[in-house]
Amino acid sequence: MTKYMVDKFMRYVELSDARVAAYVADPAAYVEGWLGAGAGAEGATDDRVLTEAERAAFAARDYAALYALGAHPYLLWHFTEAVHAHEFTPEQGWRELVERYRAGVAPQGVVDYIP
């Protein structure tokens, strides 16, 4: 699993409204474009690699699958909120997203929990 790249991709997208819009417009193509842009301005050692499961989860905007794959919970919530923001207004819908998110990740338990 490539948790670092999952987290890096989420953070990269979430920090720019333009990148969020491009990702939402065509998630699968955006992921492939990002993977192909490795070793660019962000550094010569930028080895952008995602597993097939990670690619599929990003293509489907499936936050529950990303959570199960080990995405950082804090980054995942902000990424999820950013890529679903167009689905709600400040007056309605945000609470529904929160509940959908909770329901989607709850079956996975606490990721990386160490008793």
PDB file of N, CA and C in Angstrom:
ATOM      1  N   MET A   1       0.844  -1.176   0.000  1.00  0.00           N
ATOM      2  CA  MET A   1       0.000   0.000   0.000  1.00  0.00           C
ATOM      3  C   MET A   1       0.891   1.241   0.000  1.00  0.00           C
ATOM      4  N   THR A   2       0.405   2.294  -0.583  1.00  0.00           N
ATOM      5  CA  THR A   2       1.180   3.514  -0.732  1.00  0.00           C
ATOM      6  C   THR A   2       0.496   4.655   0.023  1.00  0.00           C
ATOM      7  N   LYS A   3       0.382   4.519   1.326  1.00  0.00           N
ATOM      8  CA  LYS A   3      -0.335   5.504   2.140  1.00  0.00           C
ATOM      9  C   LYS A   3       0.195   6.922   1.931  1.00  0.00           C
ATOM     10  N   TYR A   4       1.494   7.051   1.841  1.00  0.00           N
ATOM     11  CA  TYR A   4       2.061   8.389   1.664  1.00  0.00           C
ATOM     12  C   TYR A   4       1.522   9.040   0.395  1.00  0.00           C
ATOM     13  N   MET A   5       1.475   8.305  -0.696  1.00  0.00           N
ATOM     14  CA  MET A   5       0.986   8.870  -1.962  1.00  0.00           C
ATOM     15  C   MET A   5      -0.511   9.147  -1.906  1.00  0.00           C
ATOM     16  N   VAL A   6      -1.261   8.300  -1.221  1.00  0.00           N
ATOM     17  CA  VAL A   6      -2.693   8.559  -1.040  1.00  0.00           C
ATOM     18  C   VAL A   6      -2.869   9.888  -0.328  1.00  0.00           C
ATOM     19  N   ASP A   7      -2.153  10.050   0.777  1.00  0.00           N
ATOM     20  CA  ASP A   7      -2.252  11.290   1.542  1.00  0.00           C
ATOM     21  C   ASP A   7      -1.752  12.487   0.746  1.00  0.00           C
ATOM     22  N   LYS A   8      -0.672  12.293   0.017  1.00  0.00           N
ATOM     23  CA  LYS A   8      -0.113  13.381  -0.787  1.00  0.00           C
ATOM     24  C   LYS A   8      -1.104  13.822  -1.871  1.00  0.00           C
ATOM     25  N   PHE A   9      -1.732  12.863  -2.533  1.00  0.00           N
ATOM     26  CA  PHE A   9      -2.707  13.194  -3.567  1.00  0.00           C
ATOM     27  C   PHE A   9      -3.881  13.972  -2.971  1.00  0.00           C
ATOM     28  N   MET A  10      -4.408  13.484  -1.852  1.00  0.00           N
ATOM     29  CA  MET A  10      -5.553  14.165  -1.233  1.00  0.00           C
ATOM     30  C   MET A  10      -5.197  15.605  -0.878  1.00  0.00           C
ATOM     31  N   ARG A  11      -4.048  15.799  -0.292  1.00  0.00           N
ATOM     32  CA  ARG A  11      -3.620  17.136   0.112  1.00  0.00           C
ATOM     33  C   ARG A  11      -3.402  18.028  -1.109  1.00  0.00           C
ATOM     34  N   TYR A  12      -2.790  17.480  -2.135  1.00  0.00           N
ATOM     35  CA  TYR A  12      -2.542  18.224  -3.368  1.00  0.00           C
ATOM     36  C   TYR A  12      -3.855  18.732  -3.971  1.00  0.00           C
ATOM     37  N   VAL A  13      -4.836  17.869  -4.067  1.00  0.00           N
ATOM     38  CA  VAL A  13      -6.123  18.250  -4.649  1.00  0.00           C
ATOM     39  C   VAL A  13      -6.835  19.258  -3.761  1.00  0.00           C
ATOM     40  N   GLU A  14      -6.896  18.964  -2.493  1.00  0.00           N
ATOM     41  CA  GLU A  14      -7.701  19.746  -1.555  1.00  0.00           C
ATOM     42  C   GLU A  14      -7.227  21.184  -1.397  1.00  0.00           C
ATOM     43  N   LEU A  15      -5.968  21.461  -1.663  1.00  0.00           N
ATOM     44  CA  LEU A  15      -5.433  22.809  -1.460  1.00  0.00           C
ATOM     45  C   LEU A  15      -5.737  23.803  -2.574  1.00  0.00           C
ATOM     46  N   SER A  16      -6.418  23.367  -3.630  1.00  0.00           N
ATOM     47  CA  SER A  16      -6.686  24.265  -4.752  1.00  0.00           C
ATOM     48  C   SER A  16      -8.106  24.060  -5.267  1.00  0.00           C
ATOM     49  N   ASP A  17      -8.868  25.143  -5.323  1.00  0.00           N
ATOM     50  CA  ASP A  17     -10.224  25.050  -5.873  1.00  0.00           C
ATOM     51  C   ASP A  17     -10.206  24.570  -7.324  1.00  0.00           C
ATOM     52  N   ALA A  18      -9.222  25.001  -8.091  1.00  0.00           N
ATOM     53  CA  ALA A  18      -9.127  24.586  -9.492  1.00  0.00           C
ATOM     54  C   ALA A  18      -8.852  23.089  -9.588  1.00  0.00           C
ATOM     55  N   ARG A  19      -7.971  22.570  -8.731  1.00  0.00           N
ATOM     56  CA  ARG A  19      -7.683  21.135  -8.754  1.00  0.00           C
ATOM     57  C   ARG A  19      -8.879  20.332  -8.284  1.00  0.00           C
ATOM     58  N   VAL A  20      -9.592  20.843  -7.278  1.00  0.00           N
ATOM     59  CA  VAL A  20     -10.807  20.162  -6.826  1.00  0.00           C
ATOM     60  C   VAL A  20     -11.801  20.077  -7.973  1.00  0.00           C
ATOM     61  N   ALA A  21     -12.018  21.171  -8.669  1.00  0.00           N
ATOM     62  CA  ALA A  21     -12.968  21.193  -9.788  1.00  0.00           C
ATOM     63  C   ALA A  21     -12.548  20.224 -10.886  1.00  0.00           C
ATOM     64  N   ALA A  22     -11.272  20.193 -11.208  1.00  0.00           N
ATOM     65  CA  ALA A  22     -10.790  19.276 -12.247  1.00  0.00           C
ATOM     66  C   ALA A  22     -10.953  17.826 -11.812  1.00  0.00           C
ATOM     67  N   TYR A  23     -10.663  17.542 -10.563  1.00  0.00           N
ATOM     68  CA  TYR A  23     -10.823  16.185 -10.045  1.00  0.00           C
ATOM     69  C   TYR A  23     -12.297  15.757 -10.066  1.00  0.00           C
ATOM     70  N   VAL A  24     -13.178  16.632  -9.595  1.00  0.00           N
ATOM     71  CA  VAL A  24     -14.607  16.307  -9.552  1.00  0.00           C
ATOM     72  C   VAL A  24     -15.152  16.092 -10.963  1.00  0.00           C
ATOM     73  N   ALA A  25     -14.670  16.851 -11.929  1.00  0.00           N
ATOM     74  CA  ALA A  25     -15.145  16.731 -13.309  1.00  0.00           C
ATOM     75  C   ALA A  25     -14.842  15.361 -13.904  1.00  0.00           C
ATOM     76  N   ASP A  26     -13.686  14.784 -13.590  1.00  0.00           N
ATOM     77  CA  ASP A  26     -13.308  13.474 -14.124  1.00  0.00           C
ATOM     78  C   ASP A  26     -12.247  12.851 -13.209  1.00  0.00           C
ATOM     79  N   PRO A  27     -12.692  12.237 -12.114  1.00  0.00           N
ATOM     80  CA  PRO A  27     -11.739  11.718 -11.129  1.00  0.00           C
ATOM     81  C   PRO A  27     -10.711  10.742 -11.699  1.00  0.00           C
ATOM     82  N   ALA A  28     -11.142   9.792 -12.496  1.00  0.00           N
ATOM     83  CA  ALA A  28     -10.206   8.789 -13.019  1.00  0.00           C
ATOM     84  C   ALA A  28      -9.135   9.432 -13.893  1.00  0.00           C
ATOM     85  N   ALA A  29      -9.527  10.317 -14.785  1.00  0.00           N
ATOM     86  CA  ALA A  29      -8.562  10.987 -15.653  1.00  0.00           C
ATOM     87  C   ALA A  29      -7.633  11.880 -14.836  1.00  0.00           C
ATOM     88  N   TYR A  30      -8.167  12.531 -13.814  1.00  0.00           N
ATOM     89  CA  TYR A  30      -7.332  13.397 -12.992  1.00  0.00           C
ATOM     90  C   TYR A  30      -6.269  12.585 -12.252  1.00  0.00           C
ATOM     91  N   VAL A  31      -6.671  11.450 -11.711  1.00  0.00           N
ATOM     92  CA  VAL A  31      -5.712  10.585 -11.004  1.00  0.00           C
ATOM     93  C   VAL A  31      -4.610  10.136 -11.960  1.00  0.00           C
ATOM     94  N   GLU A  32      -4.987   9.692 -13.131  1.00  0.00           N
ATOM     95  CA  GLU A  32      -3.986   9.229 -14.101  1.00  0.00           C
ATOM     96  C   GLU A  32      -3.053  10.365 -14.519  1.00  0.00           C
ATOM     97  N   GLY A  33      -3.604  11.558 -14.706  1.00  0.00           N
ATOM     98  CA  GLY A  33      -2.776  12.711 -15.048  1.00  0.00           C
ATOM     99  C   GLY A  33      -1.802  13.055 -13.940  1.00  0.00           C
ATOM    100  N   TRP A  34      -2.264  12.981 -12.703  1.00  0.00           N
ATOM    101  CA  TRP A  34      -1.392  13.267 -11.558  1.00  0.00           C
ATOM    102  C   TRP A  34      -0.276  12.228 -11.456  1.00  0.00           C
ATOM    103  N   LEU A  35      -0.627  10.974 -11.661  1.00  0.00           N
ATOM    104  CA  LEU A  35       0.381   9.918 -11.590  1.00  0.00           C
ATOM    105  C   LEU A  35       1.436  10.102 -12.680  1.00  0.00           C
ATOM    106  N   GLY A  36       1.013  10.531 -13.844  1.00  0.00           N
ATOM    107  CA  GLY A  36       1.934  10.725 -14.958  1.00  0.00           C
ATOM    108  C   GLY A  36       2.799  11.964 -14.834  1.00  0.00           C
ATOM    109  N   ALA A  37       2.478  12.832 -13.896  1.00  0.00           N
ATOM    110  CA  ALA A  37       3.229  14.079 -13.744  1.00  0.00           C
ATOM    111  C   ALA A  37       4.324  13.971 -12.687  1.00  0.00           C
ATOM    112  N   GLY A  38       4.655  12.782 -12.251  1.00  0.00           N
ATOM    113  CA  GLY A  38       5.683  12.596 -11.228  1.00  0.00           C
ATOM    114  C   GLY A  38       7.033  13.103 -11.678  1.00  0.00           C
ATOM    115  N   ALA A  39       7.893  13.319 -10.713  1.00  0.00           N
ATOM    116  CA  ALA A  39       9.261  13.801 -10.947  1.00  0.00           C
ATOM    117  C   ALA A  39       9.272  15.141 -11.665  1.00  0.00           C
ATOM    118  N   GLY A  40       8.247  15.938 -11.395  1.00  0.00           N
ATOM    119  CA  GLY A  40       8.187  17.260 -12.005  1.00  0.00           C
ATOM    120  C   GLY A  40       8.689  18.321 -11.055  1.00  0.00           C
ATOM    121  N   ALA A  41       7.987  19.417 -10.998  1.00  0.00           N
ATOM    122  CA  ALA A  41       8.406  20.560 -10.191  1.00  0.00           C
ATOM    123  C   ALA A  41       8.464  20.237  -8.701  1.00  0.00           C
ATOM    124  N   GLU A  42       7.771  19.203  -8.291  1.00  0.00           N
ATOM    125  CA  GLU A  42       7.739  18.868  -6.869  1.00  0.00           C
ATOM    126  C   GLU A  42       8.941  18.049  -6.428  1.00  0.00           C
ATOM    127  N   GLY A  43       9.811  17.695  -7.322  1.00  0.00           N
ATOM    128  CA  GLY A  43      11.032  17.009  -6.919  1.00  0.00           C
ATOM    129  C   GLY A  43      11.363  15.818  -7.777  1.00  0.00           C
ATOM    130  N   ALA A  44      12.632  15.622  -7.964  1.00  0.00           N
ATOM    131  CA  ALA A  44      13.091  14.529  -8.824  1.00  0.00           C
ATOM    132  C   ALA A  44      12.815  13.155  -8.237  1.00  0.00           C
ATOM    133  N   THR A  45      12.558  13.067  -6.950  1.00  0.00           N
ATOM    134  CA  THR A  45      12.293  11.763  -6.324  1.00  0.00           C
ATOM    135  C   THR A  45      10.808  11.543  -6.100  1.00  0.00           C
ATOM    136  N   ASP A  46       9.985  12.274  -6.786  1.00  0.00           N
ATOM    137  CA  ASP A  46       8.538  12.186  -6.619  1.00  0.00           C
ATOM    138  C   ASP A  46       7.999  10.967  -7.372  1.00  0.00           C
ATOM    139  N   ASP A  47       8.074   9.822  -6.756  1.00  0.00           N
ATOM    140  CA  ASP A  47       7.631   8.579  -7.385  1.00  0.00           C
ATOM    141  C   ASP A  47       6.144   8.380  -7.133  1.00  0.00           C
ATOM    142  N   ARG A  48       5.343   8.889  -8.008  1.00  0.00           N
ATOM    143  CA  ARG A  48       3.895   8.816  -7.833  1.00  0.00           C
ATOM    144  C   ARG A  48       3.402   7.444  -8.246  1.00  0.00           C
ATOM    145  N   VAL A  49       2.977   6.681  -7.261  1.00  0.00           N
ATOM    146  CA  VAL A  49       2.490   5.328  -7.480  1.00  0.00           C
ATOM    147  C   VAL A  49       1.282   5.101  -6.580  1.00  0.00           C
ATOM    148  N   LEU A  50       0.232   4.539  -7.144  1.00  0.00           N
ATOM    149  CA  LEU A  50      -0.936   4.114  -6.373  1.00  0.00           C
ATOM    150  C   LEU A  50      -1.267   2.692  -6.780  1.00  0.00           C
ATOM    151  N   THR A  51      -1.783   1.924  -5.842  1.00  0.00           N
ATOM    152  CA  THR A  51      -2.228   0.573  -6.171  1.00  0.00           C
ATOM    153  C   THR A  51      -3.509   0.659  -6.989  1.00  0.00           C
ATOM    154  N   GLU A  52      -3.905  -0.438  -7.587  1.00  0.00           N
ATOM    155  CA  GLU A  52      -5.164  -0.464  -8.345  1.00  0.00           C
ATOM    156  C   GLU A  52      -6.350  -0.146  -7.435  1.00  0.00           C
ATOM    157  N   ALA A  53      -6.319  -0.669  -6.216  1.00  0.00           N
ATOM    158  CA  ALA A  53      -7.412  -0.406  -5.273  1.00  0.00           C
ATOM    159  C   ALA A  53      -7.489   1.081  -4.928  1.00  0.00           C
ATOM    160  N   GLU A  54      -6.338   1.716  -4.749  1.00  0.00           N
ATOM    161  CA  GLU A  54      -6.314   3.143  -4.447  1.00  0.00           C
ATOM    162  C   GLU A  54      -6.800   3.959  -5.637  1.00  0.00           C
ATOM    163  N   ARG A  55      -6.359   3.594  -6.824  1.00  0.00           N
ATOM    164  CA  ARG A  55      -6.840   4.283  -8.034  1.00  0.00           C
ATOM    165  C   ARG A  55      -8.348   4.159  -8.167  1.00  0.00           C
ATOM    166  N   ALA A  56      -8.855   2.959  -7.963  1.00  0.00           N
ATOM    167  CA  ALA A  56     -10.297   2.724  -8.079  1.00  0.00           C
ATOM    168  C   ALA A  56     -11.068   3.539  -7.044  1.00  0.00           C
ATOM    169  N   ALA A  57     -10.550   3.602  -5.819  1.00  0.00           N
ATOM    170  CA  ALA A  57     -11.225   4.372  -4.769  1.00  0.00           C
ATOM    171  C   ALA A  57     -11.255   5.856  -5.115  1.00  0.00           C
ATOM    172  N   PHE A  58     -10.141   6.371  -5.617  1.00  0.00           N
ATOM    173  CA  PHE A  58     -10.123   7.782  -6.024  1.00  0.00           C
ATOM    174  C   PHE A  58     -11.034   8.020  -7.229  1.00  0.00           C
ATOM    175  N   ALA A  59     -11.035   7.099  -8.173  1.00  0.00           N
ATOM    176  CA  ALA A  59     -11.885   7.255  -9.362  1.00  0.00           C
ATOM    177  C   ALA A  59     -13.363   7.276  -8.985  1.00  0.00           C
ATOM    178  N   ALA A  60     -13.718   6.524  -7.961  1.00  0.00           N
ATOM    179  CA  ALA A  60     -15.116   6.452  -7.513  1.00  0.00           C
ATOM    180  C   ALA A  60     -15.442   7.485  -6.436  1.00  0.00           C
ATOM    181  N   ARG A  61     -14.438   8.264  -6.027  1.00  0.00           N
ATOM    182  CA  ARG A  61     -14.594   9.200  -4.909  1.00  0.00           C
ATOM    183  C   ARG A  61     -15.153   8.466  -3.690  1.00  0.00           C
ATOM    184  N   ASP A  62     -14.598   7.301  -3.431  1.00  0.00           N
ATOM    185  CA  ASP A  62     -15.072   6.408  -2.378  1.00  0.00           C
ATOM    186  C   ASP A  62     -14.257   6.603  -1.106  1.00  0.00           C
ATOM    187  N   TYR A  63     -14.733   7.504  -0.251  1.00  0.00           N
ATOM    188  CA  TYR A  63     -13.982   7.806   0.967  1.00  0.00           C
ATOM    189  C   TYR A  63     -13.942   6.637   1.932  1.00  0.00           C
ATOM    190  N   ALA A  64     -14.957   5.783   1.934  1.00  0.00           N
ATOM    191  CA  ALA A  64     -14.938   4.609   2.819  1.00  0.00           C
ATOM    192  C   ALA A  64     -13.813   3.656   2.409  1.00  0.00           C
ATOM    193  N   ALA A  65     -13.648   3.453   1.113  1.00  0.00           N
ATOM    194  CA  ALA A  65     -12.570   2.582   0.632  1.00  0.00           C
ATOM    195  C   ALA A  65     -11.203   3.197   0.933  1.00  0.00           C
ATOM    196  N   LEU A  66     -11.077   4.500   0.758  1.00  0.00           N
ATOM    197  CA  LEU A  66      -9.809   5.159   1.070  1.00  0.00           C
ATOM    198  C   LEU A  66      -9.487   5.046   2.556  1.00  0.00           C
ATOM    199  N   TYR A  67     -10.490   5.168   3.382  1.00  0.00           N
ATOM    200  CA  TYR A  67     -10.307   5.013   4.829  1.00  0.00           C
ATOM    201  C   TYR A  67      -9.819   3.603   5.148  1.00  0.00           C
ATOM    202  N   ALA A  68     -10.471   2.624   4.535  1.00  0.00           N
ATOM    203  CA  ALA A  68     -10.085   1.223   4.758  1.00  0.00           C
ATOM    204  C   ALA A  68      -8.670   0.947   4.258  1.00  0.00           C
ATOM    205  N   LEU A  69      -8.249   1.667   3.234  1.00  0.00           N
ATOM    206  CA  LEU A  69      -6.899   1.488   2.684  1.00  0.00           C
ATOM    207  C   LEU A  69      -5.840   2.220   3.503  1.00  0.00           C
ATOM    208  N   GLY A  70      -6.266   2.958   4.509  1.00  0.00           N
ATOM    209  CA  GLY A  70      -5.318   3.595   5.406  1.00  0.00           C
ATOM    210  C   GLY A  70      -5.066   5.069   5.183  1.00  0.00           C
ATOM    211  N   ALA A  71      -5.942   5.745   4.430  1.00  0.00           N
ATOM    212  CA  ALA A  71      -5.781   7.183   4.250  1.00  0.00           C
ATOM    213  C   ALA A  71      -5.818   7.870   5.612  1.00  0.00           C
ATOM    214  N   HIS A  72      -5.034   8.907   5.770  1.00  0.00           N
ATOM    215  CA  HIS A  72      -4.998   9.628   7.034  1.00  0.00           C
ATOM    216  C   HIS A  72      -6.385  10.231   7.287  1.00  0.00           C
ATOM    217  N   PRO A  73      -7.001   9.926   8.420  1.00  0.00           N
ATOM    218  CA  PRO A  73      -8.377  10.376   8.678  1.00  0.00           C
ATOM    219  C   PRO A  73      -8.575  11.887   8.586  1.00  0.00           C
ATOM    220  N   TYR A  74      -7.649  12.655   9.088  1.00  0.00           N
ATOM    221  CA  TYR A  74      -7.775  14.112   9.038  1.00  0.00           C
ATOM    222  C   TYR A  74      -7.746  14.604   7.589  1.00  0.00           C
ATOM    223  N   LEU A  75      -6.767  14.142   6.829  1.00  0.00           N
ATOM    224  CA  LEU A  75      -6.672  14.548   5.428  1.00  0.00           C
ATOM    225  C   LEU A  75      -7.861  14.049   4.630  1.00  0.00           C
ATOM    226  N   LEU A  76      -8.306  12.835   4.930  1.00  0.00           N
ATOM    227  CA  LEU A  76      -9.429  12.250   4.200  1.00  0.00           C
ATOM    228  C   LEU A  76     -10.702  13.063   4.397  1.00  0.00           C
ATOM    229  N   TRP A  77     -10.971  13.500   5.627  1.00  0.00           N
ATOM    230  CA  TRP A  77     -12.189  14.287   5.844  1.00  0.00           C
ATOM    231  C   TRP A  77     -12.122  15.587   5.048  1.00  0.00           C
ATOM    232  N   HIS A  78     -11.005  16.285   5.095  1.00  0.00           N
ATOM    233  CA  HIS A  78     -10.907  17.559   4.374  1.00  0.00           C
ATOM    234  C   HIS A  78     -10.976  17.354   2.857  1.00  0.00           C
ATOM    235  N   PHE A  79     -10.392  16.281   2.374  1.00  0.00           N
ATOM    236  CA  PHE A  79     -10.488  15.941   0.957  1.00  0.00           C
ATOM    237  C   PHE A  79     -11.950  15.649   0.592  1.00  0.00           C
ATOM    238  N   THR A  80     -12.606  14.836   1.401  1.00  0.00           N
ATOM    239  CA  THR A  80     -14.008  14.475   1.155  1.00  0.00           C
ATOM    240  C   THR A  80     -14.885  15.708   1.150  1.00  0.00           C
ATOM    241  N   GLU A  81     -14.701  16.547   2.119  1.00  0.00           N
ATOM    242  CA  GLU A  81     -15.485  17.782   2.201  1.00  0.00           C
ATOM    243  C   GLU A  81     -15.254  18.645   0.959  1.00  0.00           C
ATOM    244  N   ALA A  82     -14.010  18.768   0.530  1.00  0.00           N
ATOM    245  CA  ALA A  82     -13.696  19.596  -0.636  1.00  0.00           C
ATOM    246  C   ALA A  82     -14.326  19.046  -1.909  1.00  0.00           C
ATOM    247  N   VAL A  83     -14.247  17.741  -2.129  1.00  0.00           N
ATOM    248  CA  VAL A  83     -14.731  17.191  -3.400  1.00  0.00           C
ATOM    249  C   VAL A  83     -16.238  16.959  -3.411  1.00  0.00           C
ATOM    250  N   HIS A  84     -16.888  17.094  -2.261  1.00  0.00           N
ATOM    251  CA  HIS A  84     -18.347  16.975  -2.212  1.00  0.00           C
ATOM    252  C   HIS A  84     -19.023  18.308  -1.911  1.00  0.00           C
ATOM    253  N   ALA A  85     -18.248  19.373  -1.751  1.00  0.00           N
ATOM    254  CA  ALA A  85     -18.804  20.681  -1.384  1.00  0.00           C
ATOM    255  C   ALA A  85     -19.844  21.175  -2.377  1.00  0.00           C
ATOM    256  N   HIS A  86     -19.684  20.835  -3.648  1.00  0.00           N
ATOM    257  CA  HIS A  86     -20.639  21.297  -4.656  1.00  0.00           C
ATOM    258  C   HIS A  86     -22.018  20.666  -4.475  1.00  0.00           C
ATOM    259  N   GLU A  87     -22.117  19.641  -3.641  1.00  0.00           N
ATOM    260  CA  GLU A  87     -23.381  18.936  -3.442  1.00  0.00           C
ATOM    261  C   GLU A  87     -24.262  19.559  -2.365  1.00  0.00           C
ATOM    262  N   PHE A  88     -23.769  20.550  -1.642  1.00  0.00           N
ATOM    263  CA  PHE A  88     -24.572  21.131  -0.577  1.00  0.00           C
ATOM    264  C   PHE A  88     -24.408  22.637  -0.497  1.00  0.00           C
ATOM    265  N   THR A  89     -25.347  23.247   0.187  1.00  0.00           N
ATOM    266  CA  THR A  89     -25.291  24.680   0.465  1.00  0.00           C
ATOM    267  C   THR A  89     -25.032  24.839   1.959  1.00  0.00           C
ATOM    268  N   PRO A  90     -24.658  26.026   2.403  1.00  0.00           N
ATOM    269  CA  PRO A  90     -24.429  26.207   3.839  1.00  0.00           C
ATOM    270  C   PRO A  90     -25.664  25.892   4.691  1.00  0.00           C
ATOM    271  N   GLU A  91     -26.844  26.063   4.116  1.00  0.00           N
ATOM    272  CA  GLU A  91     -28.061  25.826   4.875  1.00  0.00           C
ATOM    273  C   GLU A  91     -28.482  24.363   4.912  1.00  0.00           C
ATOM    274  N   GLN A  92     -28.096  23.582   3.919  1.00  0.00           N
ATOM    275  CA  GLN A  92     -28.524  22.194   3.915  1.00  0.00           C
ATOM    276  C   GLN A  92     -27.545  21.312   3.153  1.00  0.00           C
ATOM    277  N   GLY A  93     -27.448  20.097   3.581  1.00  0.00           N
ATOM    278  CA  GLY A  93     -26.632  19.121   2.896  1.00  0.00           C
ATOM    279  C   GLY A  93     -25.327  18.775   3.579  1.00  0.00           C
ATOM    280  N   TRP A  94     -24.690  19.744   4.262  1.00  0.00           N
ATOM    281  CA  TRP A  94     -23.401  19.464   4.890  1.00  0.00           C
ATOM    282  C   TRP A  94     -23.545  18.396   5.965  1.00  0.00           C
ATOM    283  N   ARG A  95     -24.578  18.504   6.785  1.00  0.00           N
ATOM    284  CA  ARG A  95     -24.808  17.516   7.843  1.00  0.00           C
ATOM    285  C   ARG A  95     -25.030  16.137   7.229  1.00  0.00           C
ATOM    286  N   GLU A  96     -25.710  16.074   6.088  1.00  0.00           N
ATOM    287  CA  GLU A  96     -25.916  14.801   5.401  1.00  0.00           C
ATOM    288  C   GLU A  96     -24.578  14.195   4.966  1.00  0.00           C
ATOM    289  N   LEU A  97     -23.684  15.028   4.468  1.00  0.00           N
ATOM    290  CA  LEU A  97     -22.356  14.539   4.088  1.00  0.00           C
ATOM    291  C   LEU A  97     -21.627  13.985   5.309  1.00  0.00           C
ATOM    292  N   VAL A  98     -21.705  14.689   6.413  1.00  0.00           N
ATOM    293  CA  VAL A  98     -21.062  14.222   7.641  1.00  0.00           C
ATOM    294  C   VAL A  98     -21.604  12.853   8.029  1.00  0.00           C
ATOM    295  N   GLU A  99     -22.903  12.687   7.973  1.00  0.00           N
ATOM    296  CA  GLU A  99     -23.513  11.407   8.350  1.00  0.00           C
ATOM    297  C   GLU A  99     -23.170  10.296   7.356  1.00  0.00           C
ATOM    298  N   ARG A 100     -23.143  10.617   6.059  1.00  0.00           N
ATOM    299  CA  ARG A 100     -22.741   9.619   5.060  1.00  0.00           C
ATOM    300  C   ARG A 100     -21.296   9.201   5.281  1.00  0.00           C
ATOM    301  N   TYR A 101     -20.450  10.168   5.580  1.00  0.00           N
ATOM    302  CA  TYR A 101     -19.038   9.881   5.836  1.00  0.00           C
ATOM    303  C   TYR A 101     -18.897   8.969   7.055  1.00  0.00           C
ATOM    304  N   ARG A 102     -19.546   9.332   8.132  1.00  0.00           N
ATOM    305  CA  ARG A 102     -19.481   8.513   9.348  1.00  0.00           C
ATOM    306  C   ARG A 102     -19.972   7.096   9.092  1.00  0.00           C
ATOM    307  N   ALA A 103     -21.080   6.976   8.387  1.00  0.00           N
ATOM    308  CA  ALA A 103     -21.625   5.648   8.088  1.00  0.00           C
ATOM    309  C   ALA A 103     -20.678   4.852   7.195  1.00  0.00           C
ATOM    310  N   GLY A 104     -20.001   5.521   6.291  1.00  0.00           N
ATOM    311  CA  GLY A 104     -19.085   4.827   5.387  1.00  0.00           C
ATOM    312  C   GLY A 104     -17.813   4.343   6.047  1.00  0.00           C
ATOM    313  N   VAL A 105     -17.300   5.117   6.994  1.00  0.00           N
ATOM    314  CA  VAL A 105     -16.037   4.737   7.623  1.00  0.00           C
ATOM    315  C   VAL A 105     -16.220   3.919   8.895  1.00  0.00           C
ATOM    316  N   ALA A 106     -17.360   4.000   9.525  1.00  0.00           N
ATOM    317  CA  ALA A 106     -17.585   3.302  10.792  1.00  0.00           C
ATOM    318  C   ALA A 106     -17.322   1.797  10.735  1.00  0.00           C
ATOM    319  N   PRO A 107     -17.738   1.093   9.678  1.00  0.00           N
ATOM    320  CA  PRO A 107     -17.486  -0.355   9.636  1.00  0.00           C
ATOM    321  C   PRO A 107     -15.997  -0.718   9.662  1.00  0.00           C
ATOM    322  N   GLN A 108     -15.141   0.223   9.339  1.00  0.00           N
ATOM    323  CA  GLN A 108     -13.700  -0.054   9.305  1.00  0.00           C
ATOM    324  C   GLN A 108     -13.057   0.024  10.690  1.00  0.00           C
ATOM    325  N   GLY A 109     -13.786   0.567  11.655  1.00  0.00           N
ATOM    326  CA  GLY A 109     -13.215   0.749  12.979  1.00  0.00           C
ATOM    327  C   GLY A 109     -12.241   1.908  12.968  1.00  0.00           C
ATOM    328  N   VAL A 110     -11.388   1.945  13.956  1.00  0.00           N
ATOM    329  CA  VAL A 110     -10.406   3.012  14.070  1.00  0.00           C
ATOM    330  C   VAL A 110      -9.155   2.568  13.318  1.00  0.00           C
ATOM    331  N   VAL A 111      -8.817   3.306  12.280  1.00  0.00           N
ATOM    332  CA  VAL A 111      -7.658   2.970  11.471  1.00  0.00           C
ATOM    333  C   VAL A 111      -6.377   3.153  12.287  1.00  0.00           C
ATOM    334  N   ASP A 112      -5.473   2.198  12.167  1.00  0.00           N
ATOM    335  CA  ASP A 112      -4.176   2.237  12.837  1.00  0.00           C
ATOM    336  C   ASP A 112      -4.298   2.288  14.358  1.00  0.00           C
ATOM    337  N   TYR A 113      -5.360   1.782  14.899  1.00  0.00           N
ATOM    338  CA  TYR A 113      -5.513   1.746  16.349  1.00  0.00           C
ATOM    339  C   TYR A 113      -4.541   0.747  16.946  1.00  0.00           C
ATOM    340  N   ILE A 114      -3.825   1.173  17.939  1.00  0.00           N
ATOM    341  CA  ILE A 114      -2.883   0.293  18.621  1.00  0.00           C
ATOM    342  C   ILE A 114      -3.352   0.149  20.060  1.00  0.00           C
ATOM    343  N   PRO A 115      -3.846  -1.027  20.448  1.00  0.00           N
ATOM    344  CA  PRO A 115      -4.366  -1.181  21.819  1.00  0.00           C
ATOM    345  C   PRO A 115      -3.268  -1.115  22.860  1.00  0.00           C
TER     346      PRO A 115
END
